[in-house]
């Protein structure tokens, strides 16, 4: 599947019209439901194969953010052989009380894996906590950049955003279908 074909499929599967409150607090009349493009195994695999081309060299582990980043990091790990970690929004207050599951982060070069980036707020929060634990993080990989300030916010935290698609790119591909 070409990247353009994949973009058309993601648009067809997951673009929903209505009124949606985003995590950033902004209301949008358009939403990309990540679960609708992460659920079909063939699309999830195609997304991960395409994302693998955007990974920076010398990545020690893929840090999938709860919840949408976890299936992406898992499939990307299967394709690349790079270990996956699963990052909670907040450390558990019971059991092992960990923020990052699946291995230690100290001294490791992590790439944050996310589904859709709007403001980047959760990424910034998670990266700050992971850096406190000793992780080295400079890159974020996502499927969709909503082009709503996330990239600029991440740059302010010394993070590079690598998006498989921008929202305007998906809309263009969807309109062409």
C-alpha atoms as a PDB file:
ATOM      1  CA  UNK A   1       0.000   0.000   0.000  1.00  0.00           C
ATOM      2  CA  UNK A   2       1.437   3.404  -0.954  1.00  0.00           C
ATOM      3  CA  UNK A   3       1.509   6.248   1.552  1.00  0.00           C
ATOM      4  CA  UNK A   4      -1.235   8.074  -0.367  1.00  0.00           C
ATOM      5  CA  UNK A   5      -3.417   4.942  -0.412  1.00  0.00           C
ATOM      6  CA  UNK A   6      -2.853   4.557   3.316  1.00  0.00           C
ATOM      7  CA  UNK A   7      -3.806   8.192   3.910  1.00  0.00           C
ATOM      8  CA  UNK A   8      -7.033   7.727   1.950  1.00  0.00           C
ATOM      9  CA  UNK A   9      -7.878   4.618   3.983  1.00  0.00           C
ATOM     10  CA  UNK A  10      -7.168   6.378   7.299  1.00  0.00           C
ATOM     11  CA  UNK A  11      -9.396   9.261   6.213  1.00  0.00           C
ATOM     12  CA  UNK A  12     -12.204   6.933   5.076  1.00  0.00           C
ATOM     13  CA  UNK A  13     -12.052   4.841   8.238  1.00  0.00           C
ATOM     14  CA  UNK A  14     -11.603   7.453  10.915  1.00  0.00           C
ATOM     15  CA  UNK A  15     -12.703  10.945   9.830  1.00  0.00           C
ATOM     16  CA  UNK A  16     -15.867  11.872  11.706  1.00  0.00           C
ATOM     17  CA  UNK A  17     -17.863  15.104  11.545  1.00  0.00           C
ATOM     18  CA  UNK A  18     -19.695  16.530  14.556  1.00  0.00           C
ATOM     19  CA  UNK A  19     -18.765  18.503  17.660  1.00  0.00           C
ATOM     20  CA  UNK A  20     -15.863  17.111  19.657  1.00  0.00           C
ATOM     21  CA  UNK A  21     -14.050  18.358  22.738  1.00  0.00           C
ATOM     22  CA  UNK A  22     -10.350  17.606  22.301  1.00  0.00           C
ATOM     23  CA  UNK A  23      -7.919  16.860  25.158  1.00  0.00           C
ATOM     24  CA  UNK A  24      -6.426  20.316  24.598  1.00  0.00           C
ATOM     25  CA  UNK A  25      -9.777  21.865  25.583  1.00  0.00           C
ATOM     26  CA  UNK A  26     -10.478  23.044  22.034  1.00  0.00           C
ATOM     27  CA  UNK A  27     -13.754  22.129  20.335  1.00  0.00           C
ATOM     28  CA  UNK A  28     -13.484  20.757  16.800  1.00  0.00           C
ATOM     29  CA  UNK A  29     -16.080  19.891  14.159  1.00  0.00           C
ATOM     30  CA  UNK A  30     -13.784  17.207  12.759  1.00  0.00           C
ATOM     31  CA  UNK A  31     -12.233  14.246  14.530  1.00  0.00           C
ATOM     32  CA  UNK A  32      -9.935  11.397  13.581  1.00  0.00           C
ATOM     33  CA  UNK A  33     -10.951   8.391  15.681  1.00  0.00           C
ATOM     34  CA  UNK A  34      -7.622   6.643  16.165  1.00  0.00           C
ATOM     35  CA  UNK A  35      -9.257   3.404  17.237  1.00  0.00           C
ATOM     36  CA  UNK A  36     -10.908   3.090  13.844  1.00  0.00           C
ATOM     37  CA  UNK A  37      -7.537   3.105  12.037  1.00  0.00           C
ATOM     38  CA  UNK A  38      -5.679   1.159  14.733  1.00  0.00           C
ATOM     39  CA  UNK A  39      -8.170  -1.716  14.927  1.00  0.00           C
ATOM     40  CA  UNK A  40      -7.978  -3.287  11.438  1.00  0.00           C
ATOM     41  CA  UNK A  41      -4.778  -5.378  11.490  1.00  0.00           C
ATOM     42  CA  UNK A  42      -3.886  -4.632   7.868  1.00  0.00           C
ATOM     43  CA  UNK A  43      -4.137  -0.858   8.392  1.00  0.00           C
ATOM     44  CA  UNK A  44      -2.273  -0.967  11.725  1.00  0.00           C
ATOM     45  CA  UNK A  45       0.515  -2.942  10.057  1.00  0.00           C
ATOM     46  CA  UNK A  46       0.659  -0.541   7.079  1.00  0.00           C
ATOM     47  CA  UNK A  47       0.775   2.442   9.457  1.00  0.00           C
ATOM     48  CA  UNK A  48       3.634   0.870  11.430  1.00  0.00           C
ATOM     49  CA  UNK A  49       5.546  -0.011   8.259  1.00  0.00           C
ATOM     50  CA  UNK A  50       5.269   3.590   7.087  1.00  0.00           C
ATOM     51  CA  UNK A  51       6.176   4.969  10.519  1.00  0.00           C
ATOM     52  CA  UNK A  52       9.263   2.749  10.658  1.00  0.00           C
ATOM     53  CA  UNK A  53      10.781   4.841   7.852  1.00  0.00           C
ATOM     54  CA  UNK A  54      10.539   7.951  10.065  1.00  0.00           C
ATOM     55  CA  UNK A  55      12.363   6.496  13.072  1.00  0.00           C
ATOM     56  CA  UNK A  56      15.617   8.241  13.920  1.00  0.00           C
ATOM     57  CA  UNK A  57      18.731   6.048  13.995  1.00  0.00           C
ATOM     58  CA  UNK A  58      20.053   4.798  17.342  1.00  0.00           C
ATOM     59  CA  UNK A  59      16.620   4.409  18.932  1.00  0.00           C
ATOM     60  CA  UNK A  60      16.875   2.199  22.017  1.00  0.00           C
ATOM     61  CA  UNK A  61      13.149   1.814  22.675  1.00  0.00           C
ATOM     62  CA  UNK A  62       9.724   2.885  21.424  1.00  0.00           C
ATOM     63  CA  UNK A  63       7.702   4.622  24.137  1.00  0.00           C
ATOM     64  CA  UNK A  64       4.003   4.157  23.339  1.00  0.00           C
ATOM     65  CA  UNK A  65       1.789   6.623  25.189  1.00  0.00           C
ATOM     66  CA  UNK A  66      -1.376   5.327  26.815  1.00  0.00           C
ATOM     67  CA  UNK A  67      -3.713   4.437  25.102  1.00  0.00           C
ATOM     68  CA  UNK A  68      -3.448   5.121  21.384  1.00  0.00           C
ATOM     69  CA  UNK A  69       0.346   4.913  21.238  1.00  0.00           C
ATOM     70  CA  UNK A  70       0.454   1.404  22.720  1.00  0.00           C
ATOM     71  CA  UNK A  71      -0.818  -0.610  19.714  1.00  0.00           C
ATOM     72  CA  UNK A  72       1.326   1.532  17.400  1.00  0.00           C
ATOM     73  CA  UNK A  73       4.467   0.958  19.490  1.00  0.00           C
ATOM     74  CA  UNK A  74       3.698  -2.766  19.715  1.00  0.00           C
ATOM     75  CA  UNK A  75       3.303  -3.199  15.951  1.00  0.00           C
ATOM     76  CA  UNK A  76       6.274  -0.926  15.240  1.00  0.00           C
ATOM     77  CA  UNK A  77       8.341  -3.056  17.620  1.00  0.00           C
ATOM     78  CA  UNK A  78       7.307  -6.196  15.720  1.00  0.00           C
ATOM     79  CA  UNK A  79       8.378  -4.641  12.420  1.00  0.00           C
ATOM     80  CA  UNK A  80      11.655  -3.052  13.557  1.00  0.00           C
ATOM     81  CA  UNK A  81      12.822  -5.336  16.372  1.00  0.00           C
ATOM     82  CA  UNK A  82      13.175  -2.289  18.642  1.00  0.00           C
ATOM     83  CA  UNK A  83      11.769  -2.949  22.136  1.00  0.00           C
ATOM     84  CA  UNK A  84       8.502  -1.282  23.115  1.00  0.00           C
ATOM     85  CA  UNK A  85       7.709   0.427  26.400  1.00  0.00           C
ATOM     86  CA  UNK A  86       4.236   1.374  27.530  1.00  0.00           C
ATOM     87  CA  UNK A  87       3.904   4.787  29.147  1.00  0.00           C
ATOM     88  CA  UNK A  88       1.058   5.504  31.529  1.00  0.00           C
ATOM     89  CA  UNK A  89      -0.543   8.939  31.836  1.00  0.00           C
ATOM     90  CA  UNK A  90       0.320   8.722  35.525  1.00  0.00           C
ATOM     91  CA  UNK A  91       2.326   6.205  37.520  1.00  0.00           C
ATOM     92  CA  UNK A  92       0.215   3.574  39.271  1.00  0.00           C
ATOM     93  CA  UNK A  93      -0.232   4.084  42.990  1.00  0.00           C
ATOM     94  CA  UNK A  94      -0.195   0.328  43.622  1.00  0.00           C
ATOM     95  CA  UNK A  95       1.886  -2.686  42.600  1.00  0.00           C
ATOM     96  CA  UNK A  96       5.176  -1.580  41.059  1.00  0.00           C
ATOM     97  CA  UNK A  97       4.055   2.088  40.906  1.00  0.00           C
ATOM     98  CA  UNK A  98       5.694   2.544  37.502  1.00  0.00           C
ATOM     99  CA  UNK A  99       5.142   5.200  34.873  1.00  0.00           C
ATOM    100  CA  UNK A 100       6.902   3.145  32.176  1.00  0.00           C
ATOM    101  CA  UNK A 101       6.116  -0.537  31.804  1.00  0.00           C
ATOM    102  CA  UNK A 102       8.245  -3.044  29.933  1.00  0.00           C
ATOM    103  CA  UNK A 103      11.737  -2.026  31.003  1.00  0.00           C
ATOM    104  CA  UNK A 104      13.970   0.603  32.534  1.00  0.00           C
ATOM    105  CA  UNK A 105      14.246   3.996  30.818  1.00  0.00           C
ATOM    106  CA  UNK A 106      17.374   5.365  32.501  1.00  0.00           C
ATOM    107  CA  UNK A 107      20.022   6.281  29.930  1.00  0.00           C
ATOM    108  CA  UNK A 108      17.983   4.929  27.013  1.00  0.00           C
ATOM    109  CA  UNK A 109      17.198   6.894  23.852  1.00  0.00           C
ATOM    110  CA  UNK A 110      13.416   6.729  23.576  1.00  0.00           C
ATOM    111  CA  UNK A 111      11.180   7.806  20.730  1.00  0.00           C
ATOM    112  CA  UNK A 112       7.699   8.768  21.880  1.00  0.00           C
ATOM    113  CA  UNK A 113       4.996   7.030  19.830  1.00  0.00           C
ATOM    114  CA  UNK A 114       1.605   8.747  19.669  1.00  0.00           C
ATOM    115  CA  UNK A 115      -1.468   8.487  17.491  1.00  0.00           C
ATOM    116  CA  UNK A 116      -2.761  12.039  17.038  1.00  0.00           C
ATOM    117  CA  UNK A 117      -1.021  15.241  18.167  1.00  0.00           C
ATOM    118  CA  UNK A 118      -3.051  18.385  18.804  1.00  0.00           C
ATOM    119  CA  UNK A 119      -1.344  20.626  21.379  1.00  0.00           C
ATOM    120  CA  UNK A 120       1.216  18.055  22.500  1.00  0.00           C
ATOM    121  CA  UNK A 121       0.210  18.548  26.132  1.00  0.00           C
ATOM    122  CA  UNK A 122       0.278  14.904  27.211  1.00  0.00           C
ATOM    123  CA  UNK A 123       3.510  14.312  25.307  1.00  0.00           C
ATOM    124  CA  UNK A 124       5.184  17.232  27.095  1.00  0.00           C
ATOM    125  CA  UNK A 125       3.978  15.981  30.483  1.00  0.00           C
ATOM    126  CA  UNK A 126       5.091  12.401  29.822  1.00  0.00           C
ATOM    127  CA  UNK A 127       8.472  13.452  28.412  1.00  0.00           C
ATOM    128  CA  UNK A 128       9.165  15.624  31.481  1.00  0.00           C
ATOM    129  CA  UNK A 129       8.465  12.659  33.770  1.00  0.00           C
ATOM    130  CA  UNK A 130      10.502  10.241  31.635  1.00  0.00           C
ATOM    131  CA  UNK A 131      13.437  12.658  31.531  1.00  0.00           C
ATOM    132  CA  UNK A 132      13.285  12.862  35.328  1.00  0.00           C
ATOM    133  CA  UNK A 133      13.724   9.083  35.322  1.00  0.00           C
ATOM    134  CA  UNK A 134      16.842   9.453  33.148  1.00  0.00           C
ATOM    135  CA  UNK A 135      15.418   8.854  29.655  1.00  0.00           C
ATOM    136  CA  UNK A 136      16.975  10.640  26.686  1.00  0.00           C
ATOM    137  CA  UNK A 137      14.221  11.913  24.402  1.00  0.00           C
ATOM    138  CA  UNK A 138      14.454  14.203  21.386  1.00  0.00           C
ATOM    139  CA  UNK A 139      11.931  12.741  18.923  1.00  0.00           C
ATOM    140  CA  UNK A 140       8.197  12.125  18.770  1.00  0.00           C
ATOM    141  CA  UNK A 141       6.587  10.008  16.066  1.00  0.00           C
ATOM    142  CA  UNK A 142       2.841  10.244  15.378  1.00  0.00           C
ATOM    143  CA  UNK A 143       0.332   9.178  12.771  1.00  0.00           C
ATOM    144  CA  UNK A 144      -1.544  12.501  12.517  1.00  0.00           C
ATOM    145  CA  UNK A 145      -0.424  16.048  13.332  1.00  0.00           C
ATOM    146  CA  UNK A 146      -3.640  18.071  13.658  1.00  0.00           C
ATOM    147  CA  UNK A 147      -1.574  21.205  12.921  1.00  0.00           C
ATOM    148  CA  UNK A 148      -2.983  22.884  16.013  1.00  0.00           C
ATOM    149  CA  UNK A 149       0.200  24.101  17.693  1.00  0.00           C
ATOM    150  CA  UNK A 150       1.595  20.770  18.820  1.00  0.00           C
ATOM    151  CA  UNK A 151       4.748  20.967  16.727  1.00  0.00           C
ATOM    152  CA  UNK A 152       5.625  24.449  18.033  1.00  0.00           C
ATOM    153  CA  UNK A 153       4.913  23.397  21.628  1.00  0.00           C
ATOM    154  CA  UNK A 154       7.162  20.355  21.238  1.00  0.00           C
ATOM    155  CA  UNK A 155       9.984  22.417  19.730  1.00  0.00           C
ATOM    156  CA  UNK A 156       9.841  24.517  22.910  1.00  0.00           C
ATOM    157  CA  UNK A 157      10.654  21.318  24.824  1.00  0.00           C
ATOM    158  CA  UNK A 158      13.519  20.393  22.457  1.00  0.00           C
ATOM    159  CA  UNK A 159      11.437  17.719  20.736  1.00  0.00           C
ATOM    160  CA  UNK A 160      11.197  17.041  16.991  1.00  0.00           C
ATOM    161  CA  UNK A 161       7.801  15.896  15.707  1.00  0.00           C
ATOM    162  CA  UNK A 162       7.784  13.380  12.850  1.00  0.00           C
ATOM    163  CA  UNK A 163       4.226  12.984  11.551  1.00  0.00           C
ATOM    164  CA  UNK A 164       3.203  10.323   9.074  1.00  0.00           C
ATOM    165  CA  UNK A 165       0.413  12.675   7.959  1.00  0.00           C
ATOM    166  CA  UNK A 166      -0.749  16.194   8.693  1.00  0.00           C
ATOM    167  CA  UNK A 167      -4.454  16.838   9.026  1.00  0.00           C
ATOM    168  CA  UNK A 168      -4.467  18.979   5.871  1.00  0.00           C
ATOM    169  CA  UNK A 169      -2.696  16.189   3.962  1.00  0.00           C
ATOM    170  CA  UNK A 170      -5.317  13.647   5.070  1.00  0.00           C
ATOM    171  CA  UNK A 171      -8.145  16.000   4.123  1.00  0.00           C
ATOM    172  CA  UNK A 172      -6.616  16.483   0.679  1.00  0.00           C
ATOM    173  CA  UNK A 173      -6.231  12.727   0.213  1.00  0.00           C
ATOM    174  CA  UNK A 174      -9.767  12.133   1.488  1.00  0.00           C
ATOM    175  CA  UNK A 175     -11.217  14.712  -0.901  1.00  0.00           C
ATOM    176  CA  UNK A 176      -9.400  13.053  -3.803  1.00  0.00           C
ATOM    177  CA  UNK A 177     -10.930   9.658  -3.022  1.00  0.00           C
END
